[in-house]
Amino acid sequence: MKQKDVTLIVIIAFLSAIVSFILSGKIFVTPANRQQPVEVVDNISTQFKLPDSRYFNANSINPTVTSQLGTDTNQNPFNNTTK
């Protein structure tokens, strides 16, 4: 290829890239497609309603209380002190 041919191919490629970019913007991205619906978030307040008294009441079981089965007071049950 001659130098003129390479220059001509580069110029044609550059112009076709510009034209395709402009046409794709007009064809594929219409003004109606540019707008996206957005979910609206309600305001957050510091006031909360009380939970249901059937589940959260003063007489319910507290699962965070430590429970002990039996009277074993060994603090290290896996330490073997007997030989």
Protein backbone atom coordinates (compact mmCIF):
# COMPACT_ATOMS: atom_id res chain seq x y z
CA MET A 1 0.00 0.00 0.00
CA LYS A 2 1.08 3.49 -0.67
CA GLN A 3 1.15 6.27 1.92
CA LYS A 4 -1.88 7.90 0.28
CA ASP A 5 -3.93 4.71 0.69
CA VAL A 6 -3.18 4.40 4.42
CA THR A 7 -4.04 8.06 4.99
CA LEU A 8 -7.29 7.69 3.08
CA ILE A 9 -8.28 4.58 5.11
CA VAL A 10 -7.54 6.36 8.41
CA ILE A 11 -9.57 9.41 7.39
CA ILE A 12 -12.52 7.28 6.24
CA ALA A 13 -12.41 5.22 9.47
CA PHE A 14 -12.32 8.40 11.59
CA LEU A 15 -15.23 10.00 9.75
CA SER A 16 -17.31 6.81 9.87
CA ALA A 17 -16.70 6.55 13.64
CA ILE A 18 -17.92 10.12 14.16
CA VAL A 19 -20.99 9.60 11.96
CA SER A 20 -21.88 6.29 13.66
CA PHE A 21 -21.51 7.89 17.10
CA ILE A 22 -23.85 10.74 16.21
CA LEU A 23 -26.41 8.48 14.52
CA SER A 24 -26.44 5.97 17.36
CA GLY A 25 -27.12 8.80 19.80
CA LYS A 26 -30.11 9.88 17.75
CA ILE A 27 -31.49 6.42 16.98
CA PHE A 28 -30.97 4.42 20.17
CA VAL A 29 -31.25 7.11 22.84
CA THR A 30 -34.48 8.96 22.30
CA PRO A 31 -35.48 11.80 24.67
CA ALA A 32 -38.22 9.56 26.13
CA ASN A 33 -35.63 6.92 27.08
CA ARG A 34 -33.39 9.45 28.80
CA GLN A 35 -35.85 9.93 31.65
CA GLN A 36 -35.82 7.27 34.37
CA PRO A 37 -38.48 6.95 37.07
CA VAL A 38 -37.14 7.20 40.59
CA GLU A 39 -38.61 5.72 43.75
CA VAL A 40 -39.60 8.34 46.31
CA VAL A 41 -38.55 7.56 49.87
CA ASP A 42 -40.76 8.56 52.79
CA ASN A 43 -39.34 10.78 55.50
CA ILE A 44 -37.73 8.97 58.41
CA SER A 45 -39.02 10.00 61.81
CA THR A 46 -37.73 9.32 65.28
CA GLN A 47 -41.18 8.30 66.53
CA PHE A 48 -41.86 4.57 66.54
CA LYS A 49 -45.05 2.82 67.46
CA LEU A 50 -44.89 0.31 70.29
CA PRO A 51 -44.45 -3.35 69.29
CA ASP A 52 -47.28 -5.83 69.62
CA SER A 53 -47.91 -6.68 73.29
CA ARG A 54 -48.60 -10.32 72.40
CA TYR A 55 -44.90 -10.81 71.67
CA PHE A 56 -43.13 -8.08 73.61
CA ASN A 57 -44.38 -7.88 77.17
CA ALA A 58 -43.01 -7.93 80.70
CA ASN A 59 -43.96 -11.58 81.28
CA SER A 60 -42.27 -13.03 78.20
CA ILE A 61 -39.18 -15.25 78.37
CA ASN A 62 -35.86 -13.41 78.16
CA PRO A 63 -33.51 -15.47 75.96
CA THR A 64 -30.45 -13.48 77.03
CA VAL A 65 -30.58 -14.70 80.62
CA THR A 66 -27.92 -17.33 81.36
CA SER A 67 -29.49 -20.62 82.33
CA GLN A 68 -27.73 -23.35 84.27
CA LEU A 69 -28.67 -27.01 84.29
CA GLY A 70 -27.58 -28.83 87.43
CA THR A 71 -25.23 -27.72 90.21
CA ASP A 72 -21.84 -28.21 88.56
CA THR A 73 -19.55 -25.29 89.47
CA ASN A 74 -16.53 -26.42 87.45
CA GLN A 75 -15.38 -23.40 85.43
CA ASN A 76 -12.99 -25.44 83.22
CA PRO A 77 -14.90 -28.56 82.21
CA PHE A 78 -12.34 -29.65 79.62
CA ASN A 79 -9.29 -29.36 81.85
CA ASN A 80 -8.33 -32.80 83.08
CA THR A 81 -7.01 -32.33 86.65
CA THR A 82 -7.23 -36.00 87.65
CA LYS A 83 -4.57 -38.47 86.50
